[in-house]
Amino acid sequence: MKFTSALPKGSPSVILNCTVDRFEIGSYTFKPVDYYQLKVALDDIHYCEGLFGSQFASVRAYEPARDKGRATIFWKIDVHGFSKSYDNSTFKKVAPWENE
C-alpha cells in the first residue's frame, strides 16, 4: 500500500496509524506532498486511521477479499479525506473527514 499526501502547502499534518488484528504496524506523520509505503500481510485486514487537526477518518486499507492480487493499493489523503485507487490515476473517495 502506498499513502500519498495531497494536502495543500501550509496545511496541518495528518497522523496516520495502521493496525492489523489490533496490533499497531505503523504510525506516520504526513506533511503536504509526503508519502508512506506499507507492506501488507496478504491474509489480514489492515485498518488505518488518520487524524487531521480535530478531524478523523478511518478505512480498511487492505482487505484480502477485495484487494488480494493487486500489485499496489494507492491511497490519497487530502483536505476531503481518504481516496483509493488501483492504478494511481483514478481515485474514489472512501472516507471523508469527520468531527468528534
PDB file of N, CA and C in Angstrom:
ATOM      1  N   MET A   1       0.852  -1.173   0.000  1.00  0.00           N
ATOM      2  CA  MET A   1       0.000   0.000   0.000  1.00  0.00           C
ATOM      3  C   MET A   1       0.892   1.227   0.000  1.00  0.00           C
ATOM      4  N   LYS A   2       0.426   2.234  -0.667  1.00  0.00           N
ATOM      5  CA  LYS A   2       1.157   3.493  -0.680  1.00  0.00           C
ATOM      6  C   LYS A   2       0.182   4.612  -0.362  1.00  0.00           C
ATOM      7  N   PHE A   3       0.503   5.382   0.669  1.00  0.00           N
ATOM      8  CA  PHE A   3      -0.286   6.535   1.072  1.00  0.00           C
ATOM      9  C   PHE A   3       0.454   7.787   0.617  1.00  0.00           C
ATOM     10  N   THR A   4      -0.247   8.703  -0.034  1.00  0.00           N
ATOM     11  CA  THR A   4       0.344   9.947  -0.503  1.00  0.00           C
ATOM     12  C   THR A   4      -0.485  11.114   0.016  1.00  0.00           C
ATOM     13  N   SER A   5       0.210  12.129   0.491  1.00  0.00           N
ATOM     14  CA  SER A   5      -0.462  13.339   0.945  1.00  0.00           C
ATOM     15  C   SER A   5      -0.648  14.281  -0.230  1.00  0.00           C
ATOM     16  N   ALA A   6      -1.886  14.714  -0.431  1.00  0.00           N
ATOM     17  CA  ALA A   6      -2.190  15.728  -1.434  1.00  0.00           C
ATOM     18  C   ALA A   6      -2.699  16.987  -0.736  1.00  0.00           C
ATOM     19  N   LEU A   7      -2.198  17.204   0.475  1.00  0.00           N
ATOM     20  CA  LEU A   7      -2.595  18.377   1.253  1.00  0.00           C
ATOM     21  C   LEU A   7      -1.934  19.624   0.691  1.00  0.00           C
ATOM     22  N   PRO A   8      -2.630  20.739   0.689  1.00  0.00           N
ATOM     23  CA  PRO A   8      -2.014  21.978   0.209  1.00  0.00           C
ATOM     24  C   PRO A   8      -0.907  22.444   1.159  1.00  0.00           C
ATOM     25  N   LYS A   9       0.034  23.152   0.588  1.00  0.00           N
ATOM     26  CA  LYS A   9       1.135  23.717   1.380  1.00  0.00           C
ATOM     27  C   LYS A   9       0.557  24.559   2.510  1.00  0.00           C
ATOM     28  N   GLY A  10       1.115  24.411   3.709  1.00  0.00           N
ATOM     29  CA  GLY A  10       0.653  25.161   4.866  1.00  0.00           C
ATOM     30  C   GLY A  10      -0.439  24.457   5.660  1.00  0.00           C
ATOM     31  N   SER A  11      -0.907  23.305   5.165  1.00  0.00           N
ATOM     32  CA  SER A  11      -1.934  22.543   5.894  1.00  0.00           C
ATOM     33  C   SER A  11      -1.324  21.893   7.133  1.00  0.00           C
ATOM     34  N   PRO A  12      -2.164  21.618   8.130  1.00  0.00           N
ATOM     35  CA  PRO A  12      -1.671  20.833   9.260  1.00  0.00           C
ATOM     36  C   PRO A  12      -1.277  19.437   8.781  1.00  0.00           C
ATOM     37  N   SER A  13      -0.404  18.786   9.524  1.00  0.00           N
ATOM     38  CA  SER A  13      -0.009  17.413   9.204  1.00  0.00           C
ATOM     39  C   SER A  13      -1.149  16.451   9.505  1.00  0.00           C
ATOM     40  N   VAL A  14      -1.117  15.293   8.872  1.00  0.00           N
ATOM     41  CA  VAL A  14      -2.039  14.202   9.155  1.00  0.00           C
ATOM     42  C   VAL A  14      -1.244  13.107   9.846  1.00  0.00           C
ATOM     43  N   ILE A  15      -1.765  12.615  10.953  1.00  0.00           N
ATOM     44  CA  ILE A  15      -1.136  11.494  11.652  1.00  0.00           C
ATOM     45  C   ILE A  15      -1.882  10.239  11.228  1.00  0.00           C
ATOM     46  N   LEU A  16      -1.158   9.276  10.669  1.00  0.00           N
ATOM     47  CA  LEU A  16      -1.740   8.031  10.184  1.00  0.00           C
ATOM     48  C   LEU A  16      -1.282   6.890  11.087  1.00  0.00           C
ATOM     49  N   ASN A  17      -2.233   6.132  11.631  1.00  0.00           N
ATOM     50  CA  ASN A  17      -1.941   4.955  12.445  1.00  0.00           C
ATOM     51  C   ASN A  17      -2.590   3.753  11.784  1.00  0.00           C
ATOM     52  N   CYS A  18      -1.813   2.693  11.569  1.00  0.00           N
ATOM     53  CA  CYS A  18      -2.340   1.488  10.938  1.00  0.00           C
ATOM     54  C   CYS A  18      -2.172   0.294  11.873  1.00  0.00           C
ATOM     55  N   THR A  19      -3.172  -0.592  11.842  1.00  0.00           N
ATOM     56  CA  THR A  19      -3.161  -1.770  12.701  1.00  0.00           C
ATOM     57  C   THR A  19      -3.600  -3.006  11.920  1.00  0.00           C
ATOM     58  N   VAL A  20      -3.182  -4.160  12.434  1.00  0.00           N
ATOM     59  CA  VAL A  20      -3.638  -5.464  11.973  1.00  0.00           C
ATOM     60  C   VAL A  20      -3.986  -6.246  13.227  1.00  0.00           C
ATOM     61  N   ASP A  21      -5.208  -6.745  13.301  1.00  0.00           N
ATOM     62  CA  ASP A  21      -5.639  -7.502  14.491  1.00  0.00           C
ATOM     63  C   ASP A  21      -5.309  -6.773  15.792  1.00  0.00           C
ATOM     64  N   ARG A  22      -5.566  -5.488  15.822  1.00  0.00           N
ATOM     65  CA  ARG A  22      -5.365  -4.626  16.993  1.00  0.00           C
ATOM     66  C   ARG A  22      -3.900  -4.378  17.359  1.00  0.00           C
ATOM     67  N   PHE A  23      -2.975  -4.813  16.535  1.00  0.00           N
ATOM     68  CA  PHE A  23      -1.560  -4.548  16.771  1.00  0.00           C
ATOM     69  C   PHE A  23      -1.109  -3.433  15.845  1.00  0.00           C
ATOM     70  N   GLU A  24      -0.481  -2.412  16.406  1.00  0.00           N
ATOM     71  CA  GLU A  24      -0.021  -1.296  15.583  1.00  0.00           C
ATOM     72  C   GLU A  24       1.117  -1.759  14.690  1.00  0.00           C
ATOM     73  N   ILE A  25       1.010  -1.467  13.411  1.00  0.00           N
ATOM     74  CA  ILE A  25       2.065  -1.841  12.468  1.00  0.00           C
ATOM     75  C   ILE A  25       2.770  -0.634  11.875  1.00  0.00           C
ATOM     76  N   GLY A  26       2.258   0.543  12.143  1.00  0.00           N
ATOM     77  CA  GLY A  26       2.909   1.730  11.612  1.00  0.00           C
ATOM     78  C   GLY A  26       2.197   2.995  12.026  1.00  0.00           C
ATOM     79  N   SER A  27       2.987   4.014  12.246  1.00  0.00           N
ATOM     80  CA  SER A  27       2.471   5.338  12.549  1.00  0.00           C
ATOM     81  C   SER A  27       3.340   6.320  11.786  1.00  0.00           C
ATOM     82  N   TYR A  28       2.701   7.276  11.130  1.00  0.00           N
ATOM     83  CA  TYR A  28       3.452   8.204  10.295  1.00  0.00           C
ATOM     84  C   TYR A  28       2.780   9.562  10.313  1.00  0.00           C
ATOM     85  N   THR A  29       3.573  10.613  10.334  1.00  0.00           N
ATOM     86  CA  THR A  29       3.059  11.979  10.269  1.00  0.00           C
ATOM     87  C   THR A  29       3.297  12.522   8.865  1.00  0.00           C
ATOM     88  N   PHE A  30       2.197  12.832   8.162  1.00  0.00           N
ATOM     89  CA  PHE A  30       2.258  13.338   6.795  1.00  0.00           C
ATOM     90  C   PHE A  30       2.280  14.852   6.780  1.00  0.00           C
ATOM     91  N   LYS A  31       3.210  15.382   6.062  1.00  0.00           N
ATOM     92  CA  LYS A  31       3.230  16.802   5.745  1.00  0.00           C
ATOM     93  C   LYS A  31       2.723  16.920   4.305  1.00  0.00           C
ATOM     94  N   PRO A  32       2.384  18.120   3.828  1.00  0.00           N
ATOM     95  CA  PRO A  32       1.966  18.249   2.428  1.00  0.00           C
ATOM     96  C   PRO A  32       2.995  17.624   1.475  1.00  0.00           C
ATOM     97  N   VAL A  33       2.511  16.934   0.468  1.00  0.00           N
ATOM     98  CA  VAL A  33       3.302  16.275  -0.580  1.00  0.00           C
ATOM     99  C   VAL A  33       4.295  15.265   0.012  1.00  0.00           C
ATOM    100  N   ASP A  34       3.822  14.423   0.896  1.00  0.00           N
ATOM    101  CA  ASP A  34       4.631  13.390   1.534  1.00  0.00           C
ATOM    102  C   ASP A  34       4.021  12.034   1.185  1.00  0.00           C
ATOM    103  N   TYR A  35       4.779  10.960   1.366  1.00  0.00           N
ATOM    104  CA  TYR A  35       4.211   9.633   1.123  1.00  0.00           C
ATOM    105  C   TYR A  35       4.761   8.628   2.126  1.00  0.00           C
ATOM    106  N   TYR A  36       4.067   7.513   2.245  1.00  0.00           N
ATOM    107  CA  TYR A  36       4.424   6.437   3.163  1.00  0.00           C
ATOM    108  C   TYR A  36       4.030   5.127   2.507  1.00  0.00           C
ATOM    109  N   GLN A  37       4.959   4.192   2.435  1.00  0.00           N
ATOM    110  CA  GLN A  37       4.672   2.897   1.838  1.00  0.00           C
ATOM    111  C   GLN A  37       4.655   1.842   2.934  1.00  0.00           C
ATOM    112  N   LEU A  38       3.662   0.963   2.888  1.00  0.00           N
ATOM    113  CA  LEU A  38       3.462  -0.034   3.927  1.00  0.00           C
ATOM    114  C   LEU A  38       3.250  -1.395   3.279  1.00  0.00           C
ATOM    115  N   LYS A  39       4.044  -2.388   3.714  1.00  0.00           N
ATOM    116  CA  LYS A  39       3.856  -3.755   3.212  1.00  0.00           C
ATOM    117  C   LYS A  39       2.723  -4.393   3.998  1.00  0.00           C
ATOM    118  N   VAL A  40       1.984  -5.278   3.336  1.00  0.00           N
ATOM    119  CA  VAL A  40       0.837  -5.899   3.979  1.00  0.00           C
ATOM    120  C   VAL A  40       1.029  -7.399   4.122  1.00  0.00           C
ATOM    121  N   ALA A  41       0.394  -7.946   5.150  1.00  0.00           N
ATOM    122  CA  ALA A  41       0.266  -9.391   5.296  1.00  0.00           C
ATOM    123  C   ALA A  41      -0.972  -9.759   4.486  1.00  0.00           C
ATOM    124  N   LEU A  42      -0.806 -10.528   3.429  1.00  0.00           N
ATOM    125  CA  LEU A  42      -1.851 -10.718   2.435  1.00  0.00           C
ATOM    126  C   LEU A  42      -3.131 -11.362   2.947  1.00  0.00           C
ATOM    127  N   ASP A  43      -3.111 -11.997   4.095  1.00  0.00           N
ATOM    128  CA  ASP A  43      -4.315 -12.650   4.598  1.00  0.00           C
ATOM    129  C   ASP A  43      -4.999 -11.882   5.720  1.00  0.00           C
ATOM    130  N   ASP A  44      -4.509 -10.697   6.040  1.00  0.00           N
ATOM    131  CA  ASP A  44      -5.046  -9.929   7.161  1.00  0.00           C
ATOM    132  C   ASP A  44      -5.665  -8.616   6.699  1.00  0.00           C
ATOM    133  N   ILE A  45      -6.714  -8.198   7.403  1.00  0.00           N
ATOM    134  CA  ILE A  45      -7.317  -6.892   7.152  1.00  0.00           C
ATOM    135  C   ILE A  45      -6.473  -5.830   7.856  1.00  0.00           C
ATOM    136  N   HIS A  46      -6.140  -4.781   7.144  1.00  0.00           N
ATOM    137  CA  HIS A  46      -5.360  -3.671   7.674  1.00  0.00           C
ATOM    138  C   HIS A  46      -6.277  -2.461   7.827  1.00  0.00           C
ATOM    139  N   TYR A  47      -6.315  -1.907   9.019  1.00  0.00           N
ATOM    140  CA  TYR A  47      -7.109  -0.719   9.310  1.00  0.00           C
ATOM    141  C   TYR A  47      -6.168   0.466   9.460  1.00  0.00           C
ATOM    142  N   CYS A  48      -6.554   1.602   8.935  1.00  0.00           N
ATOM    143  CA  CYS A  48      -5.764   2.811   9.116  1.00  0.00           C
ATOM    144  C   CYS A  48      -6.697   3.951   9.511  1.00  0.00           C
ATOM    145  N   GLU A  49      -6.226   4.760  10.442  1.00  0.00           N
ATOM    146  CA  GLU A  49      -6.975   5.920  10.904  1.00  0.00           C
ATOM    147  C   GLU A  49      -6.104   7.153  10.729  1.00  0.00           C
ATOM    148  N   GLY A  50      -6.697   8.201  10.213  1.00  0.00           N
ATOM    149  CA  GLY A  50      -5.993   9.458  10.045  1.00  0.00           C
ATOM    150  C   GLY A  50      -6.572  10.516  10.968  1.00  0.00           C
ATOM    151  N   LEU A  51      -5.696  11.314  11.539  1.00  0.00           N
ATOM    152  CA  LEU A  51      -6.090  12.457  12.369  1.00  0.00           C
ATOM    153  C   LEU A  51      -5.586  13.720  11.681  1.00  0.00           C
ATOM    154  N   PHE A  52      -6.517  14.638  11.400  1.00  0.00           N
ATOM    155  CA  PHE A  52      -6.210  15.869  10.683  1.00  0.00           C
ATOM    156  C   PHE A  52      -6.761  17.016  11.503  1.00  0.00           C
ATOM    157  N   GLY A  53      -5.922  17.591  12.356  1.00  0.00           N
ATOM    158  CA  GLY A  53      -6.399  18.604  13.288  1.00  0.00           C
ATOM    159  C   GLY A  53      -7.389  17.962  14.231  1.00  0.00           C
ATOM    160  N   SER A  54      -8.618  18.464  14.268  1.00  0.00           N
ATOM    161  CA  SER A  54      -9.651  17.887  15.140  1.00  0.00           C
ATOM    162  C   SER A  54     -10.544  16.905  14.383  1.00  0.00           C
ATOM    163  N   GLN A  55     -10.182  16.582  13.149  1.00  0.00           N
ATOM    164  CA  GLN A  55     -10.978  15.667  12.336  1.00  0.00           C
ATOM    165  C   GLN A  55     -10.306  14.305  12.244  1.00  0.00           C
ATOM    166  N   PHE A  56     -11.110  13.285  11.948  1.00  0.00           N
ATOM    167  CA  PHE A  56     -10.560  11.938  11.811  1.00  0.00           C
ATOM    168  C   PHE A  56     -11.300  11.199  10.701  1.00  0.00           C
ATOM    169  N   ALA A  57     -10.659  10.151  10.192  1.00  0.00           N
ATOM    170  CA  ALA A  57     -11.271   9.246   9.217  1.00  0.00           C
ATOM    171  C   ALA A  57     -10.585   7.901   9.371  1.00  0.00           C
ATOM    172  N   SER A  58     -11.332   6.829   9.117  1.00  0.00           N
ATOM    173  CA  SER A  58     -10.721   5.509   9.176  1.00  0.00           C
ATOM    174  C   SER A  58     -11.157   4.686   7.975  1.00  0.00           C
ATOM    175  N   VAL A  59     -10.261   3.804   7.541  1.00  0.00           N
ATOM    176  CA  VAL A  59     -10.508   2.967   6.372  1.00  0.00           C
ATOM    177  C   VAL A  59      -9.981   1.560   6.612  1.00  0.00           C
ATOM    178  N   ARG A  60     -10.580   0.622   5.908  1.00  0.00           N
ATOM    179  CA  ARG A  60      -9.978  -0.705   5.778  1.00  0.00           C
ATOM    180  C   ARG A  60      -9.016  -0.552   4.613  1.00  0.00           C
ATOM    181  N   ALA A  61      -7.755  -0.341   4.938  1.00  0.00           N
ATOM    182  CA  ALA A  61      -6.772  -0.003   3.914  1.00  0.00           C
ATOM    183  C   ALA A  61      -6.424  -1.198   3.030  1.00  0.00           C
ATOM    184  N   TYR A  62      -6.489  -2.387   3.605  1.00  0.00           N
ATOM    185  CA  TYR A  62      -6.276  -3.605   2.824  1.00  0.00           C
ATOM    186  C   TYR A  62      -7.230  -4.665   3.338  1.00  0.00           C
ATOM    187  N   GLU A  63      -7.995  -5.227   2.434  1.00  0.00           N
ATOM    188  CA  GLU A  63      -8.951  -6.279   2.764  1.00  0.00           C
ATOM    189  C   GLU A  63      -8.731  -7.410   1.753  1.00  0.00           C
ATOM    190  N   PRO A  64      -8.306  -8.604   2.224  1.00  0.00           N
ATOM    191  CA  PRO A  64      -7.945  -9.675   1.288  1.00  0.00           C
ATOM    192  C   PRO A  64      -9.008  -9.981   0.228  1.00  0.00           C
ATOM    193  N   ALA A  65     -10.269 -10.089   0.619  1.00  0.00           N
ATOM    194  CA  ALA A  65     -11.317 -10.428  -0.352  1.00  0.00           C
ATOM    195  C   ALA A  65     -11.450  -9.363  -1.439  1.00  0.00           C
ATOM    196  N   ARG A  66     -11.142  -8.137  -1.117  1.00  0.00           N
ATOM    197  CA  ARG A  66     -11.300  -7.013  -2.045  1.00  0.00           C
ATOM    198  C   ARG A  66     -10.012  -6.709  -2.811  1.00  0.00           C
ATOM    199  N   ASP A  67      -8.842  -6.857  -2.155  1.00  0.00           N
ATOM    200  CA  ASP A  67      -7.600  -6.329  -2.709  1.00  0.00           C
ATOM    201  C   ASP A  67      -6.536  -7.355  -3.090  1.00  0.00           C
ATOM    202  N   LYS A  68      -6.697  -8.605  -2.682  1.00  0.00           N
ATOM    203  CA  LYS A  68      -5.678  -9.611  -2.962  1.00  0.00           C
ATOM    204  C   LYS A  68      -5.452  -9.728  -4.466  1.00  0.00           C
ATOM    205  N   GLY A  69      -4.200  -9.823  -4.866  1.00  0.00           N
ATOM    206  CA  GLY A  69      -3.862  -9.920  -6.279  1.00  0.00           C
ATOM    207  C   GLY A  69      -3.545  -8.589  -6.929  1.00  0.00           C
ATOM    208  N   ARG A  70      -3.804  -7.491  -6.222  1.00  0.00           N
ATOM    209  CA  ARG A  70      -3.468  -6.155  -6.743  1.00  0.00           C
ATOM    210  C   ARG A  70      -1.996  -5.877  -6.428  1.00  0.00           C
ATOM    211  N   ALA A  71      -1.279  -5.336  -7.379  1.00  0.00           N
ATOM    212  CA  ALA A  71       0.141  -5.052  -7.164  1.00  0.00           C
ATOM    213  C   ALA A  71       0.332  -4.037  -6.043  1.00  0.00           C
ATOM    214  N   THR A  72      -0.437  -2.965  -6.075  1.00  0.00           N
ATOM    215  CA  THR A  72      -0.352  -1.911  -5.061  1.00  0.00           C
ATOM    216  C   THR A  72      -1.719  -1.269  -4.923  1.00  0.00           C
ATOM    217  N   ILE A  73      -2.050  -0.903  -3.691  1.00  0.00           N
ATOM    218  CA  ILE A  73      -3.248  -0.109  -3.442  1.00  0.00           C
ATOM    219  C   ILE A  73      -2.757   1.288  -3.115  1.00  0.00           C
ATOM    220  N   PHE A  74      -3.239   2.281  -3.846  1.00  0.00           N
ATOM    221  CA  PHE A  74      -2.811   3.660  -3.664  1.00  0.00           C
ATOM    222  C   PHE A  74      -3.875   4.412  -2.869  1.00  0.00           C
ATOM    223  N   TRP A  75      -3.441   5.094  -1.841  1.00  0.00           N
ATOM    224  CA  TRP A  75      -4.324   5.922  -1.020  1.00  0.00           C
ATOM    225  C   TRP A  75      -3.865   7.363  -1.100  1.00  0.00           C
ATOM    226  N   LYS A  76      -4.808   8.255  -1.327  1.00  0.00           N
ATOM    227  CA  LYS A  76      -4.516   9.695  -1.349  1.00  0.00           C
ATOM    228  C   LYS A  76      -5.217  10.315  -0.154  1.00  0.00           C
ATOM    229  N   ILE A  77      -4.471  11.141   0.578  1.00  0.00           N
ATOM    230  CA  ILE A  77      -5.017  11.865   1.720  1.00  0.00           C
ATOM    231  C   ILE A  77      -5.022  13.342   1.359  1.00  0.00           C
ATOM    232  N   ASP A  78      -6.217  13.948   1.425  1.00  0.00           N
ATOM    233  CA  ASP A  78      -6.310  15.376   1.120  1.00  0.00           C
ATOM    234  C   ASP A  78      -7.270  16.053   2.093  1.00  0.00           C
ATOM    235  N   VAL A  79      -7.604  17.286   1.845  1.00  0.00           N
ATOM    236  CA  VAL A  79      -8.466  18.032   2.774  1.00  0.00           C
ATOM    237  C   VAL A  79      -9.878  17.476   2.844  1.00  0.00           C
ATOM    238  N   HIS A  80     -10.231  16.579   1.936  1.00  0.00           N
ATOM    239  CA  HIS A  80     -11.568  15.972   1.932  1.00  0.00           C
ATOM    240  C   HIS A  80     -11.598  14.602   2.598  1.00  0.00           C
ATOM    241  N   GLY A  81     -10.433  13.970   2.829  1.00  0.00           N
ATOM    242  CA  GLY A  81     -10.371  12.658   3.454  1.00  0.00           C
ATOM    243  C   GLY A  81      -9.488  11.695   2.681  1.00  0.00           C
ATOM    244  N   PHE A  82      -9.882  10.400   2.677  1.00  0.00           N
ATOM    245  CA  PHE A  82      -9.125   9.335   2.017  1.00  0.00           C
ATOM    246  C   PHE A  82      -9.788   8.940   0.703  1.00  0.00           C
ATOM    247  N   SER A  83      -8.964   8.766  -0.332  1.00  0.00           N
ATOM    248  CA  SER A  83      -9.424   8.241  -1.614  1.00  0.00           C
ATOM    249  C   SER A  83      -8.527   7.068  -1.985  1.00  0.00           C
ATOM    250  N   LYS A  84      -9.091   6.097  -2.730  1.00  0.00           N
ATOM    251  CA  LYS A  84      -8.359   4.879  -3.083  1.00  0.00           C
ATOM    252  C   LYS A  84      -8.311   4.708  -4.592  1.00  0.00           C
ATOM    253  N   SER A  85      -7.203   4.100  -5.060  1.00  0.00           N
ATOM    254  CA  SER A  85      -7.033   3.799  -6.476  1.00  0.00           C
ATOM    255  C   SER A  85      -6.225   2.516  -6.618  1.00  0.00           C
ATOM    256  N   TYR A  86      -6.490   1.790  -7.680  1.00  0.00           N
ATOM    257  CA  TYR A  86      -5.659   0.631  -8.009  1.00  0.00           C
ATOM    258  C   TYR A  86      -4.663   0.961  -9.115  1.00  0.00           C
ATOM    259  N   ASP A  87      -4.836   2.114  -9.790  1.00  0.00           N
ATOM    260  CA  ASP A  87      -3.952   2.470 -10.892  1.00  0.00           C
ATOM    261  C   ASP A  87      -3.169   3.769 -10.653  1.00  0.00           C
ATOM    262  N   ASN A  88      -3.321   4.367  -9.473  1.00  0.00           N
ATOM    263  CA  ASN A  88      -2.663   5.622  -9.101  1.00  0.00           C
ATOM    264  C   ASN A  88      -3.053   6.780 -10.025  1.00  0.00           C
ATOM    265  N   SER A  89      -4.228   6.648 -10.633  1.00  0.00           N
ATOM    266  CA  SER A  89      -4.702   7.688 -11.535  1.00  0.00           C
ATOM    267  C   SER A  89      -6.159   8.050 -11.240  1.00  0.00           C
ATOM    268  N   THR A  90      -7.006   7.047 -11.176  1.00  0.00           N
ATOM    269  CA  THR A  90      -8.426   7.245 -10.921  1.00  0.00           C
ATOM    270  C   THR A  90      -8.713   6.937  -9.456  1.00  0.00           C
ATOM    271  N   PHE A  91      -9.007   7.972  -8.674  1.00  0.00           N
ATOM    272  CA  PHE A  91      -9.237   7.802  -7.238  1.00  0.00           C
ATOM    273  C   PHE A  91     -10.720   7.932  -6.917  1.00  0.00           C
ATOM    274  N   LYS A  92     -11.154   7.115  -5.965  1.00  0.00           N
ATOM    275  CA  LYS A  92     -12.539   7.163  -5.497  1.00  0.00           C
ATOM    276  C   LYS A  92     -12.522   7.513  -4.011  1.00  0.00           C
ATOM    277  N   LYS A  93     -13.326   8.515  -3.637  1.00  0.00           N
ATOM    278  CA  LYS A  93     -13.422   8.925  -2.232  1.00  0.00           C
ATOM    279  C   LYS A  93     -13.993   7.764  -1.425  1.00  0.00           C
ATOM    280  N   VAL A  94     -13.298   7.419  -0.331  1.00  0.00           N
ATOM    281  CA  VAL A  94     -13.704   6.297   0.505  1.00  0.00           C
ATOM    282  C   VAL A  94     -14.151   6.749   1.887  1.00  0.00           C
ATOM    283  N   ALA A  95     -13.421   7.698   2.471  1.00  0.00           N
ATOM    284  CA  ALA A  95     -13.744   8.122   3.849  1.00  0.00           C
ATOM    285  C   ALA A  95     -13.504   9.619   4.005  1.00  0.00           C
ATOM    286  N   PRO A  96     -14.579  10.401   4.160  1.00  0.00           N
ATOM    287  CA  PRO A  96     -14.398  11.841   4.418  1.00  0.00           C
ATOM    288  C   PRO A  96     -13.969  12.082   5.864  1.00  0.00           C
ATOM    289  N   TRP A  97     -13.373  13.228   6.086  1.00  0.00           N
ATOM    290  CA  TRP A  97     -13.039  13.627   7.471  1.00  0.00           C
ATOM    291  C   TRP A  97     -14.326  13.839   8.250  1.00  0.00           C
ATOM    292  N   GLU A  98     -14.296  13.430   9.500  1.00  0.00           N
ATOM    293  CA  GLU A  98     -15.440  13.622  10.398  1.00  0.00           C
ATOM    294  C   GLU A  98     -14.968  14.397  11.611  1.00  0.00           C
ATOM    295  N   ASN A  99     -15.903  15.070  12.267  1.00  0.00           N
ATOM    296  CA  ASN A  99     -15.618  15.763  13.531  1.00  0.00           C
ATOM    297  C   ASN A  99     -16.093  14.894  14.685  1.00  0.00           C
ATOM    298  N   GLU A 100     -15.461  15.081  15.824  1.00  0.00           N
ATOM    299  CA  GLU A 100     -15.867  14.302  17.004  1.00  0.00           C
ATOM    300  C   GLU A 100     -17.232  14.657  17.462  1.00  0.00           C
TER     301      GLU A 100
END
